[in-house]
PDB file of N, CA and C in Angstrom:
ATOM      1  N   MET A   1     124.573  85.777  91.285  1.00  0.00           N
ATOM      2  CA  MET A   1     124.342  87.212  91.226  1.00  0.00           C
ATOM      3  C   MET A   1     125.339  87.927  92.127  1.00  0.00           C
ATOM      4  N   ALA A   2     125.960  88.949  91.643  1.00  0.00           N
ATOM      5  CA  ALA A   2     126.950  89.704  92.405  1.00  0.00           C
ATOM      6  C   ALA A   2     126.254  90.542  93.475  1.00  0.00           C
ATOM      7  N   ALA A   3     126.931  90.687  94.600  1.00  0.00           N
ATOM      8  CA  ALA A   3     126.388  91.507  95.683  1.00  0.00           C
ATOM      9  C   ALA A   3     126.426  92.975  95.272  1.00  0.00           C
ATOM     10  N   LEU A   4     125.380  93.679  95.587  1.00  0.00           N
ATOM     11  CA  LEU A   4     125.321  95.105  95.285  1.00  0.00           C
ATOM     12  C   LEU A   4     126.083  95.877  96.354  1.00  0.00           C
ATOM     13  N   GLU A   5     126.745  96.930  95.940  1.00  0.00           N
ATOM     14  CA  GLU A   5     127.506  97.747  96.884  1.00  0.00           C
ATOM     15  C   GLU A   5     126.582  98.738  97.583  1.00  0.00           C
ATOM     16  N   TYR A   6     126.938  99.059  98.823  1.00  0.00           N
ATOM     17  CA  TYR A   6     126.166 100.014  99.601  1.00  0.00           C
ATOM     18  C   TYR A   6     127.098 100.770 100.534  1.00  0.00           C
ATOM     19  N   ASP A   7     126.639 101.923 101.011  1.00  0.00           N
ATOM     20  CA  ASP A   7     127.462 102.807 101.833  1.00  0.00           C
ATOM     21  C   ASP A   7     127.198 102.663 103.325  1.00  0.00           C
ATOM     22  N   ALA A   8     126.003 102.217 103.694  1.00  0.00           N
ATOM     23  CA  ALA A   8     125.637 102.061 105.103  1.00  0.00           C
ATOM     24  C   ALA A   8     124.609 100.945 105.203  1.00  0.00           C
ATOM     25  N   GLU A   9     124.382 100.491 106.427  1.00  0.00           N
ATOM     26  CA  GLU A   9     123.456  99.377 106.624  1.00  0.00           C
ATOM     27  C   GLU A   9     122.586  99.623 107.849  1.00  0.00           C
ATOM     28  N   LEU A  10     121.349  99.144 107.778  1.00  0.00           N
ATOM     29  CA  LEU A  10     120.426  99.172 108.903  1.00  0.00           C
ATOM     30  C   LEU A  10     119.954  97.747 109.140  1.00  0.00           C
ATOM     31  N   ASP A  11     120.215  97.223 110.325  1.00  0.00           N
ATOM     32  CA  ASP A  11     119.774  95.884 110.703  1.00  0.00           C
ATOM     33  C   ASP A  11     118.507  96.022 111.528  1.00  0.00           C
ATOM     34  N   ALA A  12     117.368  95.691 110.916  1.00  0.00           N
ATOM     35  CA  ALA A  12     116.078  95.782 111.595  1.00  0.00           C
ATOM     36  C   ALA A  12     115.497  94.388 111.838  1.00  0.00           C
ATOM     37  N   ARG A  13     116.351  93.373 111.858  1.00  0.00           N
ATOM     38  CA  ARG A  13     115.885  92.007 112.093  1.00  0.00           C
ATOM     39  C   ARG A  13     115.294  91.890 113.497  1.00  0.00           C
ATOM     40  N   GLY A  14     114.167  91.186 113.575  1.00  0.00           N
ATOM     41  CA  GLY A  14     113.505  90.969 114.855  1.00  0.00           C
ATOM     42  C   GLY A  14     112.566  92.085 115.272  1.00  0.00           C
ATOM     43  N   LEU A  15     112.519  93.160 114.507  1.00  0.00           N
ATOM     44  CA  LEU A  15     111.636  94.286 114.826  1.00  0.00           C
ATOM     45  C   LEU A  15     110.359  94.192 114.001  1.00  0.00           C
ATOM     46  N   PHE A  16     109.277  94.723 114.550  1.00  0.00           N
ATOM     47  CA  PHE A  16     107.991  94.656 113.883  1.00  0.00           C
ATOM     48  C   PHE A  16     107.444  96.059 113.640  1.00  0.00           C
ATOM     49  N   CYS A  17     106.565  96.152 112.644  1.00  0.00           N
ATOM     50  CA  CYS A  17     105.926  97.401 112.257  1.00  0.00           C
ATOM     51  C   CYS A  17     105.403  98.124 113.495  1.00  0.00           C
ATOM     52  N   PRO A  18     105.716  99.409 113.626  1.00  0.00           N
ATOM     53  CA  PRO A  18     106.315 100.326 112.660  1.00  0.00           C
ATOM     54  C   PRO A  18     107.812 100.550 112.872  1.00  0.00           C
ATOM     55  N   GLU A  19     108.447  99.783 113.759  1.00  0.00           N
ATOM     56  CA  GLU A  19     109.842 100.044 114.120  1.00  0.00           C
ATOM     57  C   GLU A  19     110.824 100.062 112.945  1.00  0.00           C
ATOM     58  N   PRO A  20     110.787  99.098 112.008  1.00  0.00           N
ATOM     59  CA  PRO A  20     111.774  99.155 110.913  1.00  0.00           C
ATOM     60  C   PRO A  20     111.721 100.460 110.114  1.00  0.00           C
ATOM     61  N   VAL A  21     110.524 100.935 109.803  1.00  0.00           N
ATOM     62  CA  VAL A  21     110.412 102.164 109.017  1.00  0.00           C
ATOM     63  C   VAL A  21     110.790 103.382 109.858  1.00  0.00           C
ATOM     64  N   MET A  22     110.465 103.371 111.137  1.00  0.00           N
ATOM     65  CA  MET A  22     110.873 104.474 112.009  1.00  0.00           C
ATOM     66  C   MET A  22     112.394 104.557 112.078  1.00  0.00           C
ATOM     67  N   MET A  23     113.044 103.403 112.199  1.00  0.00           N
ATOM     68  CA  MET A  23     114.510 103.382 112.221  1.00  0.00           C
ATOM     69  C   MET A  23     115.076 103.820 110.875  1.00  0.00           C
ATOM     70  N   LEU A  24     114.448 103.384 109.790  1.00  0.00           N
ATOM     71  CA  LEU A  24     114.884 103.771 108.451  1.00  0.00           C
ATOM     72  C   LEU A  24     114.786 105.280 108.267  1.00  0.00           C
ATOM     73  N   HIS A  25     113.719 105.867 108.763  1.00  0.00           N
ATOM     74  CA  HIS A  25     113.525 107.311 108.639  1.00  0.00           C
ATOM     75  C   HIS A  25     114.696 108.070 109.259  1.00  0.00           C
ATOM     76  N   ASN A  26     115.195 107.596 110.390  1.00  0.00           N
ATOM     77  CA  ASN A  26     116.334 108.236 111.051  1.00  0.00           C
ATOM     78  C   ASN A  26     117.661 107.881 110.380  1.00  0.00           C
ATOM     79  N   ARG A  27     117.829 106.627 110.005  1.00  0.00           N
ATOM     80  CA  ARG A  27     119.114 106.150 109.464  1.00  0.00           C
ATOM     81  C   ARG A  27     119.410 106.730 108.082  1.00  0.00           C
ATOM     82  N   ILE A  28     118.384 106.928 107.266  1.00  0.00           N
ATOM     83  CA  ILE A  28     118.613 107.457 105.912  1.00  0.00           C
ATOM     84  C   ILE A  28     119.219 108.852 105.971  1.00  0.00           C
ATOM     85  N   LEU A  29     118.981 109.572 107.050  1.00  0.00           N
ATOM     86  CA  LEU A  29     119.540 110.921 107.195  1.00  0.00           C
ATOM     87  C   LEU A  29     121.049 110.897 107.403  1.00  0.00           C
ATOM     88  N   ASP A  30     121.586 109.741 107.830  1.00  0.00           N
ATOM     89  CA  ASP A  30     123.029 109.587 108.012  1.00  0.00           C
ATOM     90  C   ASP A  30     123.752 109.299 106.699  1.00  0.00           C
ATOM     91  N   VAL A  31     122.991 109.048 105.652  1.00  0.00           N
ATOM     92  CA  VAL A  31     123.539 108.706 104.338  1.00  0.00           C
ATOM     93  C   VAL A  31     123.463 109.952 103.454  1.00  0.00           C
ATOM     94  N   ALA A  32     124.549 110.270 102.798  1.00  0.00           N
ATOM     95  CA  ALA A  32     124.571 111.441 101.912  1.00  0.00           C
ATOM     96  C   ALA A  32     123.632 111.229 100.727  1.00  0.00           C
ATOM     97  N   PRO A  33     123.004 112.297 100.234  1.00  0.00           N
ATOM     98  CA  PRO A  33     122.172 112.167  99.037  1.00  0.00           C
ATOM     99  C   PRO A  33     122.954 111.499  97.897  1.00  0.00           C
ATOM    100  N   GLY A  34     122.288 110.557  97.228  1.00  0.00           N
ATOM    101  CA  GLY A  34     122.912 109.817  96.142  1.00  0.00           C
ATOM    102  C   GLY A  34     123.641 108.563  96.591  1.00  0.00           C
ATOM    103  N   ARG A  35     123.848 108.409  97.891  1.00  0.00           N
ATOM    104  CA  ARG A  35     124.508 107.208  98.437  1.00  0.00           C
ATOM    105  C   ARG A  35     123.456 106.172  98.799  1.00  0.00           C
ATOM    106  N   SER A  36     123.890 104.950  99.074  1.00  0.00           N
ATOM    107  CA  SER A  36     122.934 103.866  99.284  1.00  0.00           C
ATOM    108  C   SER A  36     122.988 103.278 100.692  1.00  0.00           C
ATOM    109  N   LEU A  37     121.826 102.781 101.103  1.00  0.00           N
ATOM    110  CA  LEU A  37     121.634 102.165 102.410  1.00  0.00           C
ATOM    111  C   LEU A  37     121.048 100.787 102.196  1.00  0.00           C
ATOM    112  N   ARG A  38     121.630  99.798 102.831  1.00  0.00           N
ATOM    113  CA  ARG A  38     121.110  98.430 102.800  1.00  0.00           C
ATOM    114  C   ARG A  38     120.318  98.209 104.078  1.00  0.00           C
ATOM    115  N   VAL A  39     119.102  97.698 103.934  1.00  0.00           N
ATOM    116  CA  VAL A  39     118.238  97.411 105.077  1.00  0.00           C
ATOM    117  C   VAL A  39     117.956  95.918 105.096  1.00  0.00           C
ATOM    118  N   ILE A  40     118.128  95.306 106.269  1.00  0.00           N
ATOM    119  CA  ILE A  40     117.804  93.894 106.457  1.00  0.00           C
ATOM    120  C   ILE A  40     116.703  93.832 107.508  1.00  0.00           C
ATOM    121  N   ALA A  41     115.595  93.162 107.185  1.00  0.00           N
ATOM    122  CA  ALA A  41     114.463  93.067 108.095  1.00  0.00           C
ATOM    123  C   ALA A  41     113.874  91.658 108.044  1.00  0.00           C
ATOM    124  N   THR A  42     113.125  91.309 109.075  1.00  0.00           N
ATOM    125  CA  THR A  42     112.445  90.019 109.108  1.00  0.00           C
ATOM    126  C   THR A  42     110.928  90.168 109.107  1.00  0.00           C
ATOM    127  N   ASP A  43     110.417  91.362 109.263  1.00  0.00           N
ATOM    128  CA  ASP A  43     108.976  91.599 109.279  1.00  0.00           C
ATOM    129  C   ASP A  43     108.455  91.672 107.844  1.00  0.00           C
ATOM    130  N   PRO A  44     107.552  90.752 107.458  1.00  0.00           N
ATOM    131  CA  PRO A  44     107.025  90.775 106.090  1.00  0.00           C
ATOM    132  C   PRO A  44     106.358  92.092 105.706  1.00  0.00           C
ATOM    133  N   SER A  45     105.870  92.867 106.669  1.00  0.00           N
ATOM    134  CA  SER A  45     105.209  94.130 106.324  1.00  0.00           C
ATOM    135  C   SER A  45     106.189  95.137 105.718  1.00  0.00           C
ATOM    136  N   THR A  46     107.486  94.908 105.883  1.00  0.00           N
ATOM    137  CA  THR A  46     108.464  95.817 105.269  1.00  0.00           C
ATOM    138  C   THR A  46     108.407  95.751 103.755  1.00  0.00           C
ATOM    139  N   THR A  47     107.932  94.640 103.187  1.00  0.00           N
ATOM    140  CA  THR A  47     107.832  94.544 101.726  1.00  0.00           C
ATOM    141  C   THR A  47     106.780  95.503 101.184  1.00  0.00           C
ATOM    142  N   ARG A  48     105.882  95.940 102.032  1.00  0.00           N
ATOM    143  CA  ARG A  48     104.888  96.952 101.665  1.00  0.00           C
ATOM    144  C   ARG A  48     105.353  98.340 102.109  1.00  0.00           C
ATOM    145  N   ASP A  49     105.846  98.416 103.346  1.00  0.00           N
ATOM    146  CA  ASP A  49     106.139  99.708 103.966  1.00  0.00           C
ATOM    147  C   ASP A  49     107.374 100.405 103.399  1.00  0.00           C
ATOM    148  N   ILE A  50     108.435  99.667 103.129  1.00  0.00           N
ATOM    149  CA  ILE A  50     109.669 100.300 102.658  1.00  0.00           C
ATOM    150  C   ILE A  50     109.519 100.854 101.239  1.00  0.00           C
ATOM    151  N   PRO A  51     108.909 100.124 100.293  1.00  0.00           N
ATOM    152  CA  PRO A  51     108.683 100.748  98.981  1.00  0.00           C
ATOM    153  C   PRO A  51     107.825 102.014  99.064  1.00  0.00           C
ATOM    154  N   ARG A  52     106.820 102.011  99.921  1.00  0.00           N
ATOM    155  CA  ARG A  52     105.981 103.214 100.092  1.00  0.00           C
ATOM    156  C   ARG A  52     106.786 104.349 100.704  1.00  0.00           C
ATOM    157  N   PHE A  53     107.617 104.035 101.697  1.00  0.00           N
ATOM    158  CA  PHE A  53     108.491 105.031 102.312  1.00  0.00           C
ATOM    159  C   PHE A  53     109.332 105.709 101.232  1.00  0.00           C
ATOM    160  N   CYS A  54     109.943 104.890 100.371  1.00  0.00           N
ATOM    161  CA  CYS A  54     110.793 105.437  99.303  1.00  0.00           C
ATOM    162  C   CYS A  54     109.990 106.303  98.349  1.00  0.00           C
ATOM    163  N   GLN A  55     108.823 105.825  97.953  1.00  0.00           N
ATOM    164  CA  GLN A  55     107.994 106.567  97.016  1.00  0.00           C
ATOM    165  C   GLN A  55     107.580 107.916  97.589  1.00  0.00           C
ATOM    166  N   PHE A  56     107.122 107.937  98.817  1.00  0.00           N
ATOM    167  CA  PHE A  56     106.622 109.169  99.422  1.00  0.00           C
ATOM    168  C   PHE A  56     107.723 110.177  99.714  1.00  0.00           C
ATOM    169  N   LEU A  57     108.931 109.695 100.033  1.00  0.00           N
ATOM    170  CA  LEU A  57     109.997 110.609 100.436  1.00  0.00           C
ATOM    171  C   LEU A  57     111.052 110.834  99.353  1.00  0.00           C
ATOM    172  N   GLY A  58     110.839 110.281  98.162  1.00  0.00           N
ATOM    173  CA  GLY A  58     111.728 110.564  97.038  1.00  0.00           C
ATOM    174  C   GLY A  58     113.043 109.815  97.038  1.00  0.00           C
ATOM    175  N   HIS A  59     113.074 108.643  97.666  1.00  0.00           N
ATOM    176  CA  HIS A  59     114.266 107.805  97.626  1.00  0.00           C
ATOM    177  C   HIS A  59     114.060 106.720  96.564  1.00  0.00           C
ATOM    178  N   GLU A  60     115.145 106.184  96.034  1.00  0.00           N
ATOM    179  CA  GLU A  60     115.060 105.156  94.995  1.00  0.00           C
ATOM    180  C   GLU A  60     115.253 103.778  95.614  1.00  0.00           C
ATOM    181  N   LEU A  61     114.284 102.901  95.422  1.00  0.00           N
ATOM    182  CA  LEU A  61     114.418 101.511  95.846  1.00  0.00           C
ATOM    183  C   LEU A  61     115.154 100.775  94.727  1.00  0.00           C
ATOM    184  N   ILE A  62     116.438 100.526  94.948  1.00  0.00           N
ATOM    185  CA  ILE A  62     117.287  99.915  93.924  1.00  0.00           C
ATOM    186  C   ILE A  62     116.993  98.432  93.787  1.00  0.00           C
ATOM    187  N   SER A  63     116.855  97.746  94.929  1.00  0.00           N
ATOM    188  CA  SER A  63     116.553  96.316  94.878  1.00  0.00           C
ATOM    189  C   SER A  63     115.818  95.899  96.139  1.00  0.00           C
ATOM    190  N   GLU A  64     115.103  94.787  95.994  1.00  0.00           N
ATOM    191  CA  GLU A  64     114.328  94.204  97.088  1.00  0.00           C
ATOM    192  C   GLU A  64     114.384  92.698  96.899  1.00  0.00           C
ATOM    193  N   GLN A  65     114.878  91.978  97.909  1.00  0.00           N
ATOM    194  CA  GLN A  65     115.020  90.527  97.800  1.00  0.00           C
ATOM    195  C   GLN A  65     114.634  89.862  99.104  1.00  0.00           C
ATOM    196  N   GLU A  66     114.190  88.612  99.009  1.00  0.00           N
ATOM    197  CA  GLU A  66     114.006  87.793 100.201  1.00  0.00           C
ATOM    198  C   GLU A  66     115.097  86.733 100.188  1.00  0.00           C
ATOM    199  N   GLN A  67     115.807  86.624 101.298  1.00  0.00           N
ATOM    200  CA  GLN A  67     116.900  85.663 101.406  1.00  0.00           C
ATOM    201  C   GLN A  67     116.762  84.920 102.725  1.00  0.00           C
ATOM    202  N   GLY A  68     116.304  83.673 102.675  1.00  0.00           N
ATOM    203  CA  GLY A  68     116.229  82.858 103.875  1.00  0.00           C
ATOM    204  C   GLY A  68     115.380  83.448 104.985  1.00  0.00           C
ATOM    205  N   GLY A  69     114.225  84.006 104.636  1.00  0.00           N
ATOM    206  CA  GLY A  69     113.342  84.583 105.627  1.00  0.00           C
ATOM    207  C   GLY A  69     113.688  86.009 106.026  1.00  0.00           C
ATOM    208  N   GLU A  70     114.687  86.565 105.385  1.00  0.00           N
ATOM    209  CA  GLU A  70     115.049  87.962 105.622  1.00  0.00           C
ATOM    210  C   GLU A  70     114.765  88.763 104.365  1.00  0.00           C
ATOM    211  N   PHE A  71     114.336  89.991 104.574  1.00  0.00           N
ATOM    212  CA  PHE A  71     114.030  90.891 103.468  1.00  0.00           C
ATOM    213  C   PHE A  71     115.149  91.914 103.385  1.00  0.00           C
ATOM    214  N   VAL A  72     115.765  91.992 102.213  1.00  0.00           N
ATOM    215  CA  VAL A  72     116.925  92.867 102.023  1.00  0.00           C
ATOM    216  C   VAL A  72     116.574  93.914 100.972  1.00  0.00           C
ATOM    217  N   PHE A  73     116.733  95.173 101.354  1.00  0.00           N
ATOM    218  CA  PHE A  73     116.409  96.308 100.492  1.00  0.00           C
ATOM    219  C   PHE A  73     117.663  97.140 100.280  1.00  0.00           C
ATOM    220  N   LEU A  74     117.820  97.650  99.096  1.00  0.00           N
ATOM    221  CA  LEU A  74     118.893  98.603  98.811  1.00  0.00           C
ATOM    222  C   LEU A  74     118.221  99.885  98.351  1.00  0.00           C
ATOM    223  N   ILE A  75     118.505 100.974  99.083  1.00  0.00           N
ATOM    224  CA  ILE A  75     117.839 102.250  98.862  1.00  0.00           C
ATOM    225  C   ILE A  75     118.883 103.322  98.569  1.00  0.00           C
ATOM    226  N   ARG A  76     118.661 104.093  97.517  1.00  0.00           N
ATOM    227  CA  ARG A  76     119.506 105.244  97.230  1.00  0.00           C
ATOM    228  C   ARG A  76     118.796 106.481  97.753  1.00  0.00           C
ATOM    229  N   ARG A  77     119.489 107.220  98.601  1.00  0.00           N
ATOM    230  CA  ARG A  77     118.876 108.401  99.200  1.00  0.00           C
ATOM    231  C   ARG A  77     118.632 109.476  98.134  1.00  0.00           C
ATOM    232  N   GLY A  78     117.456 110.041  98.189  1.00  0.00           N
ATOM    233  CA  GLY A  78     117.104 111.140  97.299  1.00  0.00           C
ATOM    234  C   GLY A  78     117.723 112.443  97.751  1.00  0.00           C
ATOM    235  N   ARG A  79     117.428 113.486  97.054  1.00  0.00           N
ATOM    236  CA  ARG A  79     118.033 114.795  97.320  1.00  0.00           C
ATOM    237  C   ARG A  79     117.396 115.550  98.476  1.00  0.00           C
ATOM    238  N   GLU A  80     116.200 115.221  98.835  1.00  0.00           N
ATOM    239  CA  GLU A  80     115.439 115.882  99.917  1.00  0.00           C
ATOM    240  C   GLU A  80     115.823 117.316 100.081  1.00  0.00           C
TER     241      GLU A  80
END
């Protein structure tokens, strides 16, 4: 599978709820609307929290994968 392209990245490895989503809330603002952010996390609760974050705030969850104990999300920023 080809790697998906992204414009910015947030490394939330080693952080636990609610820190990854709090960091995501701030980091997504650095990404222009329509651009994408890659998030890497190790907390399993991100598989619940990040999709909800996207749904509630109007961002598109492009992909969600687990790779070797890490959870990788690709998010396209909404228009807010």
